Amino acid sequence: MALTRKHTLQVMAGVRTKVSSSLWPLDLDLKRFPAIDCVIGYGSGVFRQAGYNSSKRPMVDLVFVVPDARVDDWHRQNLSSNPDHYSGLRLLGAPAVACVQRWGPGLYYNPHVSLTCKDGGTVEAKYGVVSREALMRDLKDWSWLYMAGRMHKPFTLEFPEEPQAEMLSAVASNRRAALSAAVLTSGWSDPSARLSLSELLCFLVRLSFDGDIRLGIAENPNKVSNIVAAQATDLWDVYLPIALDLGIDVSAVRENYPASEGSAVGLDVSPEGRRRLFLELPDAIQRRAAFLVDSRAPWEDGGEVLRKVLRGIVRESSLSQTAKGLLTAGPARGARYALQKLRKRFAS
């Protein structure tokens, strides 16, 4: 199957691509922005989550990927074309904005911006800017588990030009590592037992939320279960071929999942099975986990250690990005964004 310009996920190494343009949830007019490598869309504004009012679309989360060498110039052009998108930090100029962007996970967000669609309508969006190098590093190394974590779940991806094979390969590796980590952190130890598919997907989605300082305060505490409840079919469409490739027994998963009850997966929790999954993780994560346990067999008792390592990464990235948000959003937009999050939190 040929890759097209618009797709949500990719058919490389077990990651599925939706190629029909009718499935594309956004049709933004990007002419007002400087050139970008690709656009990533994610979150409840792009994909429905259970527990939210379906009559009011949440703010759309977007990330514009730009070459690292052009970050300063990109912001310089965007400040000229769209100065109202920025907080007071714009007064310090593009170099200061680019410097702030490089802190922590490497994103600079402009929240509560009205973007025009090609059909003439508008959507309220929070758009971020990330360098291609920072994105690739997170996908490959889980250095922050920020964009990598968001790309464990359903997301949209649009390339203005031809799809970039290296990035698509990194997306596929990121998902293989995510499913492997979900099994390893599930705590499953009985070789004869089975794990429900819903539980497995919850472990997978939770990877990038466990440790997030916002969860339970400004974020919906049921976010993980809401995502799985609403997106189980999309998630399993993506992860089924990966599960098969990793040797996970899916013979008991019913064809009409998630409508049916009782779907379960069989896990190889032997030392060798865990070792194979452990080796699917990014090298940096393997080293950090192995440092904390017996390096001769880190997969044998490393589930809790791995959770601790990933939780620490997520906590650090959420702290960094939250603190950065106070600068990039500005007082008015920051307060508005926080209020919106709190409303969603207590409405759930």
C-alpha atoms as a PDB file:
ATOM      1  CA  MET A   1       0.000   0.000   0.000  1.00  0.00           C
ATOM      2  CA  ALA A   2       1.464   3.379  -0.991  1.00  0.00           C
ATOM      3  CA  LEU A   3       1.828   6.031   1.688  1.00  0.00           C
ATOM      4  CA  THR A   4      -0.263   9.152   1.176  1.00  0.00           C
ATOM      5  CA  ARG A   5       0.114  12.746   2.360  1.00  0.00           C
ATOM      6  CA  LYS A   6      -2.383  12.358   5.150  1.00  0.00           C
ATOM      7  CA  HIS A   7      -2.412   9.532   7.616  1.00  0.00           C
ATOM      8  CA  THR A   8      -2.913   8.989  11.296  1.00  0.00           C
ATOM      9  CA  LEU A   9      -0.555   6.122  11.819  1.00  0.00           C
ATOM     10  CA  GLN A  10       1.817   4.243   9.608  1.00  0.00           C
ATOM     11  CA  VAL A  11       1.965   0.747   8.134  1.00  0.00           C
ATOM     12  CA  MET A  12       5.660   0.247   8.820  1.00  0.00           C
ATOM     13  CA  ALA A  13       6.852  -2.375  11.343  1.00  0.00           C
ATOM     14  CA  GLY A  14       3.345  -3.106  12.542  1.00  0.00           C
ATOM     15  CA  VAL A  15       1.952   0.416  12.747  1.00  0.00           C
ATOM     16  CA  ARG A  16      -1.206   0.919  10.740  1.00  0.00           C
ATOM     17  CA  THR A  17      -1.932   3.839   8.422  1.00  0.00           C
ATOM     18  CA  LYS A  18      -5.371   5.192   7.706  1.00  0.00           C
ATOM     19  CA  VAL A  19      -5.069   6.475   4.164  1.00  0.00           C
ATOM     20  CA  SER A  20      -8.570   7.771   3.476  1.00  0.00           C
ATOM     21  CA  SER A  21      -8.751  11.554   3.603  1.00  0.00           C
ATOM     22  CA  SER A  22     -12.289  11.246   4.934  1.00  0.00           C
ATOM     23  CA  LEU A  23     -10.749   9.988   8.185  1.00  0.00           C
ATOM     24  CA  TRP A  24      -8.545  13.063   8.550  1.00  0.00           C
ATOM     25  CA  PRO A  25      -9.989  14.970  11.524  1.00  0.00           C
ATOM     26  CA  LEU A  26      -8.342  18.318  10.717  1.00  0.00           C
ATOM     27  CA  ASP A  27      -8.019  20.331   7.536  1.00  0.00           C
ATOM     28  CA  LEU A  28      -6.098  23.353   8.722  1.00  0.00           C
ATOM     29  CA  ASP A  29      -4.998  26.177   6.492  1.00  0.00           C
ATOM     30  CA  LEU A  30      -1.296  26.410   7.298  1.00  0.00           C
ATOM     31  CA  LYS A  31      -0.459  29.163   4.812  1.00  0.00           C
ATOM     32  CA  ARG A  32      -0.087  31.706   7.619  1.00  0.00           C
ATOM     33  CA  PHE A  33       2.744  29.693   9.159  1.00  0.00           C
ATOM     34  CA  PRO A  34       6.379  29.308   8.104  1.00  0.00           C
ATOM     35  CA  ALA A  35       7.352  26.050   6.400  1.00  0.00           C
ATOM     36  CA  ILE A  36       7.157  22.911   8.524  1.00  0.00           C
ATOM     37  CA  ASP A  37       8.315  19.295   8.155  1.00  0.00           C
ATOM     38  CA  CYS A  38       5.062  17.800   9.427  1.00  0.00           C
ATOM     39  CA  VAL A  39       2.076  18.383  11.716  1.00  0.00           C
ATOM     40  CA  ILE A  40       1.127  16.064  14.573  1.00  0.00           C
ATOM     41  CA  GLY A  41      -2.359  16.146  16.097  1.00  0.00           C
ATOM     42  CA  TYR A  42      -3.276  14.326  19.294  1.00  0.00           C
ATOM     43  CA  GLY A  43      -5.492  14.406  22.373  1.00  0.00           C
ATOM     44  CA  SER A  44      -9.214  14.632  23.054  1.00  0.00           C
ATOM     45  CA  GLY A  45      -9.689  17.512  20.604  1.00  0.00           C
ATOM     46  CA  VAL A  46      -8.615  15.255  17.756  1.00  0.00           C
ATOM     47  CA  PHE A  47      -9.693  11.852  19.084  1.00  0.00           C
ATOM     48  CA  ARG A  48     -12.756  11.408  21.245  1.00  0.00           C
ATOM     49  CA  GLN A  49     -12.317  10.396  24.884  1.00  0.00           C
ATOM     50  CA  ALA A  50     -15.040   8.987  27.098  1.00  0.00           C
ATOM     51  CA  GLY A  51     -16.248  11.245  29.895  1.00  0.00           C
ATOM     52  CA  TYR A  52     -16.241  14.495  27.924  1.00  0.00           C
ATOM     53  CA  ASN A  53     -19.209  16.484  26.663  1.00  0.00           C
ATOM     54  CA  SER A  54     -19.532  15.536  23.001  1.00  0.00           C
ATOM     55  CA  SER A  55     -21.417  18.758  22.186  1.00  0.00           C
ATOM     56  CA  LYS A  56     -18.341  20.909  22.833  1.00  0.00           C
ATOM     57  CA  ARG A  57     -15.085  20.035  21.124  1.00  0.00           C
ATOM     58  CA  PRO A  58     -12.034  20.349  23.396  1.00  0.00           C
ATOM     59  CA  MET A  59      -9.115  22.502  22.333  1.00  0.00           C
ATOM     60  CA  VAL A  60      -7.153  20.826  19.534  1.00  0.00           C
ATOM     61  CA  ASP A  61      -3.558  19.872  20.367  1.00  0.00           C
ATOM     62  CA  LEU A  62      -1.086  20.249  17.502  1.00  0.00           C
ATOM     63  CA  VAL A  63       2.682  20.129  17.157  1.00  0.00           C
ATOM     64  CA  PHE A  64       4.589  21.619  14.224  1.00  0.00           C
ATOM     65  CA  VAL A  65       7.878  19.845  13.513  1.00  0.00           C
ATOM     66  CA  VAL A  66      10.654  22.051  12.109  1.00  0.00           C
ATOM     67  CA  PRO A  67      14.351  21.449  11.346  1.00  0.00           C
ATOM     68  CA  ASP A  68      16.596  22.164  14.337  1.00  0.00           C
ATOM     69  CA  ALA A  69      18.726  24.626  12.387  1.00  0.00           C
ATOM     70  CA  ARG A  70      15.618  26.672  11.524  1.00  0.00           C
ATOM     71  CA  VAL A  71      14.005  27.008  14.973  1.00  0.00           C
ATOM     72  CA  ASP A  72      15.154  30.607  15.493  1.00  0.00           C
ATOM     73  CA  ASP A  73      14.200  31.601  11.969  1.00  0.00           C
ATOM     74  CA  TRP A  74      10.846  29.811  12.217  1.00  0.00           C
ATOM     75  CA  HIS A  75       9.888  31.785  15.311  1.00  0.00           C
ATOM     76  CA  ARG A  76      11.201  34.999  13.744  1.00  0.00           C
ATOM     77  CA  GLN A  77       8.882  34.546  10.773  1.00  0.00           C
ATOM     78  CA  ASN A  78       5.969  33.414  12.918  1.00  0.00           C
ATOM     79  CA  LEU A  79       6.392  36.363  15.280  1.00  0.00           C
ATOM     80  CA  SER A  80       6.123  38.602  12.245  1.00  0.00           C
ATOM     81  CA  SER A  81       3.064  36.822  10.807  1.00  0.00           C
ATOM     82  CA  ASN A  82       1.256  35.858  14.029  1.00  0.00           C
ATOM     83  CA  PRO A  83       2.500  38.034  16.911  1.00  0.00           C
ATOM     84  CA  ASP A  84      -0.821  37.671  18.747  1.00  0.00           C
ATOM     85  CA  HIS A  85      -0.181  33.935  19.149  1.00  0.00           C
ATOM     86  CA  TYR A  86       2.657  34.625  21.591  1.00  0.00           C
ATOM     87  CA  SER A  87       2.785  35.807  25.179  1.00  0.00           C
ATOM     88  CA  GLY A  88       4.834  38.793  26.335  1.00  0.00           C
ATOM     89  CA  LEU A  89       7.915  36.659  25.781  1.00  0.00           C
ATOM     90  CA  ARG A  90       7.701  37.777  22.147  1.00  0.00           C
ATOM     91  CA  LEU A  91       9.099  41.136  23.213  1.00  0.00           C
ATOM     92  CA  LEU A  92      12.459  39.461  23.816  1.00  0.00           C
ATOM     93  CA  GLY A  93      12.593  38.298  20.209  1.00  0.00           C
ATOM     94  CA  ALA A  94      12.939  35.017  18.366  1.00  0.00           C
ATOM     95  CA  PRO A  95      16.291  33.968  19.933  1.00  0.00           C
ATOM     96  CA  ALA A  96      14.752  34.103  23.427  1.00  0.00           C
ATOM     97  CA  VAL A  97      11.670  32.177  22.292  1.00  0.00           C
ATOM     98  CA  ALA A  98      13.851  29.514  20.651  1.00  0.00           C
ATOM     99  CA  CYS A  99      16.017  29.302  23.768  1.00  0.00           C
ATOM    100  CA  VAL A 100      12.970  28.666  25.961  1.00  0.00           C
ATOM    101  CA  GLN A 101      11.737  26.068  23.479  1.00  0.00           C
ATOM    102  CA  ARG A 102      14.926  24.043  23.905  1.00  0.00           C
ATOM    103  CA  TRP A 103      14.410  23.681  27.657  1.00  0.00           C
ATOM    104  CA  GLY A 104      13.245  20.268  28.849  1.00  0.00           C
ATOM    105  CA  PRO A 105      11.266  18.238  26.280  1.00  0.00           C
ATOM    106  CA  GLY A 106      12.007  20.842  23.612  1.00  0.00           C
ATOM    107  CA  LEU A 107       8.538  22.221  22.870  1.00  0.00           C
ATOM    108  CA  TYR A 108       7.152  25.745  22.796  1.00  0.00           C
ATOM    109  CA  TYR A 109       3.347  25.942  23.054  1.00  0.00           C
ATOM    110  CA  ASN A 110       0.964  28.736  22.126  1.00  0.00           C
ATOM    111  CA  PRO A 111      -2.439  27.908  23.691  1.00  0.00           C
ATOM    112  CA  HIS A 112      -5.908  29.248  22.920  1.00  0.00           C
ATOM    113  CA  VAL A 113      -5.174  30.264  19.349  1.00  0.00           C
ATOM    114  CA  SER A 114      -7.913  30.381  16.718  1.00  0.00           C
ATOM    115  CA  LEU A 115      -6.789  28.564  13.566  1.00  0.00           C
ATOM    116  CA  THR A 116      -8.555  28.683  10.211  1.00  0.00           C
ATOM    117  CA  CYS A 117      -9.628  25.508   8.431  1.00  0.00           C
ATOM    118  CA  LYS A 118      -9.656  25.091   4.669  1.00  0.00           C
ATOM    119  CA  ASP A 119     -13.458  25.059   4.675  1.00  0.00           C
ATOM    120  CA  GLY A 120     -13.494  28.539   6.221  1.00  0.00           C
ATOM    121  CA  GLY A 121     -14.298  27.425   9.754  1.00  0.00           C
ATOM    122  CA  THR A 122     -12.077  27.842  12.782  1.00  0.00           C
ATOM    123  CA  VAL A 123     -10.858  25.656  15.637  1.00  0.00           C
ATOM    124  CA  GLU A 124      -9.423  26.638  18.987  1.00  0.00           C
ATOM    125  CA  ALA A 125      -5.985  25.117  19.228  1.00  0.00           C
ATOM    126  CA  LYS A 126      -2.890  24.812  21.332  1.00  0.00           C
ATOM    127  CA  TYR A 127      -0.002  24.420  18.940  1.00  0.00           C
ATOM    128  CA  GLY A 128       3.521  23.531  19.842  1.00  0.00           C
ATOM    129  CA  VAL A 129       6.771  23.805  17.953  1.00  0.00           C
ATOM    130  CA  VAL A 130       9.444  21.113  18.245  1.00  0.00           C
ATOM    131  CA  SER A 131      12.628  20.534  16.317  1.00  0.00           C
ATOM    132  CA  ARG A 132      12.819  17.388  14.257  1.00  0.00           C
ATOM    133  CA  GLU A 133      15.950  16.365  16.155  1.00  0.00           C
ATOM    134  CA  ALA A 134      14.282  16.730  19.573  1.00  0.00           C
ATOM    135  CA  LEU A 135      11.276  14.723  18.394  1.00  0.00           C
ATOM    136  CA  MET A 136      13.437  11.958  16.948  1.00  0.00           C
ATOM    137  CA  ARG A 137      15.516  11.802  20.125  1.00  0.00           C
ATOM    138  CA  ASP A 138      12.412  11.357  22.276  1.00  0.00           C
ATOM    139  CA  LEU A 139      10.945   8.722  19.955  1.00  0.00           C
ATOM    140  CA  LYS A 140      14.176   6.736  19.875  1.00  0.00           C
ATOM    141  CA  ASP A 141      15.517   7.235  23.419  1.00  0.00           C
ATOM    142  CA  TRP A 142      12.460   8.147  25.533  1.00  0.00           C
ATOM    143  CA  SER A 143      14.620  10.954  26.876  1.00  0.00           C
ATOM    144  CA  TRP A 144      11.491  12.806  28.054  1.00  0.00           C
ATOM    145  CA  LEU A 145       8.601  10.479  27.125  1.00  0.00           C
ATOM    146  CA  TYR A 146       6.703  13.622  26.184  1.00  0.00           C
ATOM    147  CA  MET A 147       6.030  13.489  22.460  1.00  0.00           C
ATOM    148  CA  ALA A 148       6.979   9.810  22.457  1.00  0.00           C
ATOM    149  CA  GLY A 149       4.280   9.175  25.062  1.00  0.00           C
ATOM    150  CA  ARG A 150       1.664  11.106  23.157  1.00  0.00           C
ATOM    151  CA  MET A 151       2.550   9.099  20.088  1.00  0.00           C
ATOM    152  CA  HIS A 152       1.888   5.827  21.910  1.00  0.00           C
ATOM    153  CA  LYS A 153      -1.790   6.727  21.525  1.00  0.00           C
ATOM    154  CA  PRO A 154      -3.729   7.481  18.325  1.00  0.00           C
ATOM    155  CA  PHE A 155      -2.449  10.607  16.613  1.00  0.00           C
ATOM    156  CA  THR A 156      -2.606  12.280  13.239  1.00  0.00           C
ATOM    157  CA  LEU A 157       0.409  12.994  11.107  1.00  0.00           C
ATOM    158  CA  GLU A 158       0.560  15.123   7.968  1.00  0.00           C
ATOM    159  CA  PHE A 159       3.604  15.689   5.803  1.00  0.00           C
ATOM    160  CA  PRO A 160       3.378  18.654   3.416  1.00  0.00           C
ATOM    161  CA  GLU A 161       5.817  16.798   1.172  1.00  0.00           C
ATOM    162  CA  GLU A 162       6.728  13.107   0.970  1.00  0.00           C
ATOM    163  CA  PRO A 163       6.631  11.126   4.245  1.00  0.00           C
ATOM    164  CA  GLN A 164      10.044  10.846   5.896  1.00  0.00           C
ATOM    165  CA  ALA A 165      11.072   7.205   6.218  1.00  0.00           C
ATOM    166  CA  GLU A 166      13.394   7.814   9.170  1.00  0.00           C
ATOM    167  CA  MET A 167      10.645   9.448  11.202  1.00  0.00           C
ATOM    168  CA  LEU A 168       8.127   6.753  10.331  1.00  0.00           C
ATOM    169  CA  SER A 169      10.635   4.106  11.394  1.00  0.00           C
ATOM    170  CA  ALA A 170      11.126   5.922  14.718  1.00  0.00           C
ATOM    171  CA  VAL A 171       7.342   6.016  15.211  1.00  0.00           C
ATOM    172  CA  ALA A 172       7.190   2.255  14.664  1.00  0.00           C
ATOM    173  CA  SER A 173      10.055   1.559  17.089  1.00  0.00           C
ATOM    174  CA  ASN A 174       8.436   3.808  19.680  1.00  0.00           C
ATOM    175  CA  ARG A 175       5.247   1.753  19.527  1.00  0.00           C
ATOM    176  CA  ARG A 176       7.052  -1.589  19.735  1.00  0.00           C
ATOM    177  CA  ALA A 177       8.846  -0.342  22.824  1.00  0.00           C
ATOM    178  CA  ALA A 178       5.560   0.892  24.302  1.00  0.00           C
ATOM    179  CA  LEU A 179       3.824  -2.474  23.988  1.00  0.00           C
ATOM    180  CA  SER A 180       6.894  -4.242  25.377  1.00  0.00           C
ATOM    181  CA  ALA A 181       7.010  -1.872  28.351  1.00  0.00           C
ATOM    182  CA  ALA A 182       3.282  -2.337  28.955  1.00  0.00           C
ATOM    183  CA  VAL A 183       3.751  -6.104  29.285  1.00  0.00           C
ATOM    184  CA  LEU A 184       6.842  -5.750  31.474  1.00  0.00           C
ATOM    185  CA  THR A 185       5.163  -3.278  33.839  1.00  0.00           C
ATOM    186  CA  SER A 186       1.914  -5.256  34.074  1.00  0.00           C
ATOM    187  CA  GLY A 187       3.294  -7.276  36.971  1.00  0.00           C
ATOM    188  CA  TRP A 188       2.050 -10.499  35.374  1.00  0.00           C
ATOM    189  CA  SER A 189       3.985 -13.527  36.616  1.00  0.00           C
ATOM    190  CA  ASP A 190       1.702 -16.562  36.228  1.00  0.00           C
ATOM    191  CA  PRO A 191       2.582 -18.281  32.929  1.00  0.00           C
ATOM    192  CA  SER A 192      -0.816 -19.979  32.760  1.00  0.00           C
ATOM    193  CA  ALA A 193      -2.861 -16.823  33.353  1.00  0.00           C
ATOM    194  CA  ARG A 194      -4.140 -14.336  30.809  1.00  0.00           C
ATOM    195  CA  LEU A 195      -4.329 -10.560  30.960  1.00  0.00           C
ATOM    196  CA  SER A 196      -7.480  -8.865  29.727  1.00  0.00           C
ATOM    197  CA  LEU A 197      -6.912  -6.807  26.619  1.00  0.00           C
ATOM    198  CA  SER A 198      -8.435  -3.736  28.271  1.00  0.00           C
ATOM    199  CA  GLU A 199      -5.949  -4.065  31.131  1.00  0.00           C
ATOM    200  CA  LEU A 200      -3.042  -4.378  28.708  1.00  0.00           C
ATOM    201  CA  LEU A 201      -4.135  -1.254  26.821  1.00  0.00           C
ATOM    202  CA  CYS A 202      -4.499   0.613  30.115  1.00  0.00           C
ATOM    203  CA  PHE A 203      -0.937  -0.343  31.065  1.00  0.00           C
ATOM    204  CA  LEU A 204       0.202   0.907  27.660  1.00  0.00           C
ATOM    205  CA  VAL A 205      -1.626   4.240  27.814  1.00  0.00           C
ATOM    206  CA  ARG A 206      -0.558   4.756  31.432  1.00  0.00           C
ATOM    207  CA  LEU A 207       3.146   4.718  30.521  1.00  0.00           C
ATOM    208  CA  SER A 208       3.155   8.431  29.696  1.00  0.00           C
ATOM    209  CA  PHE A 209       0.783   9.495  32.497  1.00  0.00           C
ATOM    210  CA  ASP A 210       2.212   7.676  35.518  1.00  0.00           C
ATOM    211  CA  GLY A 211       4.292  10.318  37.285  1.00  0.00           C
ATOM    212  CA  ASP A 212       2.681  13.326  35.574  1.00  0.00           C
ATOM    213  CA  ILE A 213       2.303  15.989  38.260  1.00  0.00           C
ATOM    214  CA  ARG A 214      -0.901  17.277  36.642  1.00  0.00           C
ATOM    215  CA  LEU A 215      -2.819  13.999  36.787  1.00  0.00           C
ATOM    216  CA  GLY A 216      -5.517  14.170  39.439  1.00  0.00           C
ATOM    217  CA  ILE A 217      -5.112  17.938  39.880  1.00  0.00           C
ATOM    218  CA  ALA A 218      -5.589  19.766  36.585  1.00  0.00           C
ATOM    219  CA  GLU A 219      -5.928  16.614  34.482  1.00  0.00           C
ATOM    220  CA  ASN A 220      -8.860  14.229  34.474  1.00  0.00           C
ATOM    221  CA  PRO A 221      -7.934  11.443  36.960  1.00  0.00           C
ATOM    222  CA  ASN A 222      -9.807   8.967  34.749  1.00  0.00           C
ATOM    223  CA  LYS A 223      -7.860   9.996  31.661  1.00  0.00           C
ATOM    224  CA  VAL A 224      -6.261   6.593  31.072  1.00  0.00           C
ATOM    225  CA  SER A 225      -9.499   4.613  31.310  1.00  0.00           C
ATOM    226  CA  ASN A 226     -11.335   7.257  29.256  1.00  0.00           C
ATOM    227  CA  ILE A 227      -8.812   6.971  26.430  1.00  0.00           C
ATOM    228  CA  VAL A 228      -9.003   3.182  26.405  1.00  0.00           C
ATOM    229  CA  ALA A 229     -12.811   3.169  26.623  1.00  0.00           C
ATOM    230  CA  ALA A 230     -13.202   5.468  23.621  1.00  0.00           C
ATOM    231  CA  GLN A 231     -10.211   4.437  21.508  1.00  0.00           C
ATOM    232  CA  ALA A 232      -9.839   0.709  22.185  1.00  0.00           C
ATOM    233  CA  THR A 233     -10.526  -0.258  18.571  1.00  0.00           C
ATOM    234  CA  ASP A 234      -8.022   2.260  17.175  1.00  0.00           C
ATOM    235  CA  LEU A 235      -5.423   1.225  19.747  1.00  0.00           C
ATOM    236  CA  TRP A 236      -5.824  -2.464  18.993  1.00  0.00           C
ATOM    237  CA  ASP A 237      -5.750  -1.850  15.235  1.00  0.00           C
ATOM    238  CA  VAL A 238      -2.296  -0.373  15.777  1.00  0.00           C
ATOM    239  CA  TYR A 239      -0.957  -2.813  18.347  1.00  0.00           C
ATOM    240  CA  LEU A 240      -2.367  -6.130  17.078  1.00  0.00           C
ATOM    241  CA  PRO A 241       0.301  -6.612  14.362  1.00  0.00           C
ATOM    242  CA  ILE A 242       2.990  -5.560  16.848  1.00  0.00           C
ATOM    243  CA  ALA A 243       1.649  -8.021  19.436  1.00  0.00           C
ATOM    244  CA  LEU A 244       1.793 -10.819  16.879  1.00  0.00           C
ATOM    245  CA  ASP A 245       5.339  -9.883  15.922  1.00  0.00           C
ATOM    246  CA  LEU A 246       6.390  -9.849  19.592  1.00  0.00           C
ATOM    247  CA  GLY A 247       4.943 -13.311  20.168  1.00  0.00           C
ATOM    248  CA  ILE A 248       2.012 -12.241  22.347  1.00  0.00           C
ATOM    249  CA  ASP A 249      -0.801 -14.794  22.216  1.00  0.00           C
ATOM    250  CA  VAL A 250      -3.906 -13.012  20.927  1.00  0.00           C
ATOM    251  CA  SER A 251      -5.887 -16.134  20.029  1.00  0.00           C
ATOM    252  CA  ALA A 252      -8.457 -15.390  22.748  1.00  0.00           C
ATOM    253  CA  VAL A 253      -9.091 -11.836  21.541  1.00  0.00           C
ATOM    254  CA  ARG A 254     -12.478 -11.771  19.931  1.00  0.00           C
ATOM    255  CA  GLU A 255     -12.912 -10.283  16.489  1.00  0.00           C
ATOM    256  CA  ASN A 256     -15.494  -7.724  17.597  1.00  0.00           C
ATOM    257  CA  TYR A 257     -13.343  -6.345  20.410  1.00  0.00           C
ATOM    258  CA  PRO A 258     -14.016  -4.081  22.284  1.00  0.00           C
ATOM    259  CA  ALA A 259     -17.760  -4.743  22.000  1.00  0.00           C
ATOM    260  CA  SER A 260     -17.292  -8.262  23.330  1.00  0.00           C
ATOM    261  CA  GLU A 261     -16.344  -9.147  26.877  1.00  0.00           C
ATOM    262  CA  GLY A 262     -13.652 -11.592  27.856  1.00  0.00           C
ATOM    263  CA  SER A 263     -10.982 -10.696  25.309  1.00  0.00           C
ATOM    264  CA  ALA A 264      -7.614 -11.595  26.773  1.00  0.00           C
ATOM    265  CA  VAL A 265      -3.995 -12.014  25.756  1.00  0.00           C
ATOM    266  CA  GLY A 266      -1.466 -14.643  26.755  1.00  0.00           C
ATOM    267  CA  LEU A 267       1.923 -13.381  27.890  1.00  0.00           C
ATOM    268  CA  ASP A 268       5.270 -15.135  27.854  1.00  0.00           C
ATOM    269  CA  VAL A 269       6.496 -14.157  31.321  1.00  0.00           C
ATOM    270  CA  SER A 270       9.418 -16.575  31.345  1.00  0.00           C
ATOM    271  CA  PRO A 271      12.862 -15.023  31.887  1.00  0.00           C
ATOM    272  CA  GLU A 272      13.608 -15.442  28.179  1.00  0.00           C
ATOM    273  CA  GLY A 273      10.275 -13.905  27.183  1.00  0.00           C
ATOM    274  CA  ARG A 274      10.854 -10.903  29.415  1.00  0.00           C
ATOM    275  CA  ARG A 275      14.391 -10.585  28.128  1.00  0.00           C
ATOM    276  CA  ARG A 276      13.140 -10.358  24.542  1.00  0.00           C
ATOM    277  CA  LEU A 277      10.703  -7.596  25.500  1.00  0.00           C
ATOM    278  CA  PHE A 278      13.340  -5.791  27.565  1.00  0.00           C
ATOM    279  CA  LEU A 279      15.596  -5.633  24.510  1.00  0.00           C
ATOM    280  CA  GLU A 280      12.814  -3.850  22.581  1.00  0.00           C
ATOM    281  CA  LEU A 281      13.117  -0.862  24.936  1.00  0.00           C
ATOM    282  CA  PRO A 282      15.308   2.124  24.032  1.00  0.00           C
ATOM    283  CA  ASP A 283      18.955   1.516  24.937  1.00  0.00           C
ATOM    284  CA  ALA A 284      18.963   4.426  27.382  1.00  0.00           C
ATOM    285  CA  ILE A 285      15.992   2.958  29.263  1.00  0.00           C
ATOM    286  CA  GLN A 286      17.654  -0.456  29.375  1.00  0.00           C
ATOM    287  CA  ARG A 287      20.770   1.076  30.891  1.00  0.00           C
ATOM    288  CA  ARG A 288      18.842   3.041  33.519  1.00  0.00           C
ATOM    289  CA  ALA A 289      16.792   0.009  34.542  1.00  0.00           C
ATOM    290  CA  ALA A 290      19.792  -2.331  34.550  1.00  0.00           C
ATOM    291  CA  PHE A 291      21.697   0.097  36.765  1.00  0.00           C
ATOM    292  CA  LEU A 292      19.070  -0.374  39.482  1.00  0.00           C
ATOM    293  CA  VAL A 293      18.851  -4.170  39.417  1.00  0.00           C
ATOM    294  CA  ASP A 294      21.148  -7.116  38.928  1.00  0.00           C
ATOM    295  CA  SER A 295      22.620  -6.378  35.522  1.00  0.00           C
ATOM    296  CA  ARG A 296      22.847 -10.095  34.778  1.00  0.00           C
ATOM    297  CA  ALA A 297      19.053 -10.449  34.580  1.00  0.00           C
ATOM    298  CA  PRO A 298      17.267  -7.088  34.701  1.00  0.00           C
ATOM    299  CA  TRP A 299      14.173  -8.562  33.049  1.00  0.00           C
ATOM    300  CA  GLU A 300      13.535 -11.128  35.796  1.00  0.00           C
ATOM    301  CA  ASP A 301      12.473  -8.748  38.563  1.00  0.00           C
ATOM    302  CA  GLY A 302      12.599  -5.462  36.735  1.00  0.00           C
ATOM    303  CA  GLY A 303       8.906  -4.640  36.242  1.00  0.00           C
ATOM    304  CA  GLU A 304       8.701  -2.347  39.241  1.00  0.00           C
ATOM    305  CA  VAL A 305      12.149  -0.936  38.506  1.00  0.00           C
ATOM    306  CA  LEU A 306      11.085  -0.141  34.948  1.00  0.00           C
ATOM    307  CA  ARG A 307       7.930   1.565  36.245  1.00  0.00           C
ATOM    308  CA  LYS A 308      10.100   3.629  38.577  1.00  0.00           C
ATOM    309  CA  VAL A 309      12.431   4.660  35.755  1.00  0.00           C
ATOM    310  CA  LEU A 310       9.583   5.658  33.428  1.00  0.00           C
ATOM    311  CA  ARG A 311       7.667   7.394  36.221  1.00  0.00           C
ATOM    312  CA  GLY A 312      10.729   9.500  37.000  1.00  0.00           C
ATOM    313  CA  ILE A 313      11.132  10.539  33.364  1.00  0.00           C
ATOM    314  CA  VAL A 314       7.451  11.502  33.058  1.00  0.00           C
ATOM    315  CA  ARG A 315       7.544  13.426  36.333  1.00  0.00           C
ATOM    316  CA  GLU A 316      10.603  15.411  35.249  1.00  0.00           C
ATOM    317  CA  SER A 317       9.188  16.198  31.811  1.00  0.00           C
ATOM    318  CA  SER A 318       5.807  17.264  33.225  1.00  0.00           C
ATOM    319  CA  LEU A 319       7.508  19.511  35.783  1.00  0.00           C
ATOM    320  CA  SER A 320       9.692  21.082  33.105  1.00  0.00           C
ATOM    321  CA  GLN A 321       6.925  21.599  30.563  1.00  0.00           C
ATOM    322  CA  THR A 322       4.461  22.913  33.175  1.00  0.00           C
ATOM    323  CA  ALA A 323       6.988  25.461  34.420  1.00  0.00           C
ATOM    324  CA  LYS A 324       7.779  26.462  30.849  1.00  0.00           C
ATOM    325  CA  GLY A 325       4.064  26.887  30.174  1.00  0.00           C
ATOM    326  CA  LEU A 326       3.910  29.707  32.701  1.00  0.00           C
ATOM    327  CA  LEU A 327       6.305  31.629  30.463  1.00  0.00           C
ATOM    328  CA  THR A 328       5.003  30.656  27.057  1.00  0.00           C
ATOM    329  CA  ALA A 329       1.283  31.047  27.760  1.00  0.00           C
ATOM    330  CA  GLY A 330       1.451  34.314  29.689  1.00  0.00           C
ATOM    331  CA  PRO A 331      -0.766  35.170  32.688  1.00  0.00           C
ATOM    332  CA  ALA A 332      -4.098  35.574  30.865  1.00  0.00           C
ATOM    333  CA  ARG A 333      -3.875  32.559  28.569  1.00  0.00           C
ATOM    334  CA  GLY A 334      -2.210  30.511  31.291  1.00  0.00           C
ATOM    335  CA  ALA A 335      -5.075  31.179  33.695  1.00  0.00           C
ATOM    336  CA  ARG A 336      -7.612  30.432  30.974  1.00  0.00           C
ATOM    337  CA  TYR A 337      -5.878  27.166  30.103  1.00  0.00           C
ATOM    338  CA  ALA A 338      -5.658  26.106  33.756  1.00  0.00           C
ATOM    339  CA  LEU A 339      -9.328  26.956  34.308  1.00  0.00           C
ATOM    340  CA  GLN A 340     -10.331  24.906  31.280  1.00  0.00           C
ATOM    341  CA  LYS A 341      -8.331  21.947  32.565  1.00  0.00           C
ATOM    342  CA  LEU A 342      -9.914  22.232  36.007  1.00  0.00           C
ATOM    343  CA  ARG A 343     -13.397  22.387  34.522  1.00  0.00           C
ATOM    344  CA  LYS A 344     -12.716  19.213  32.562  1.00  0.00           C
ATOM    345  CA  ARG A 345     -11.236  17.668  35.700  1.00  0.00           C
ATOM    346  CA  PHE A 346     -14.303  18.259  37.872  1.00  0.00           C
ATOM    347  CA  ALA A 347     -16.826  17.616  35.118  1.00  0.00           C
ATOM    348  CA  SER A 348     -15.550  14.072  34.687  1.00  0.00           C
END
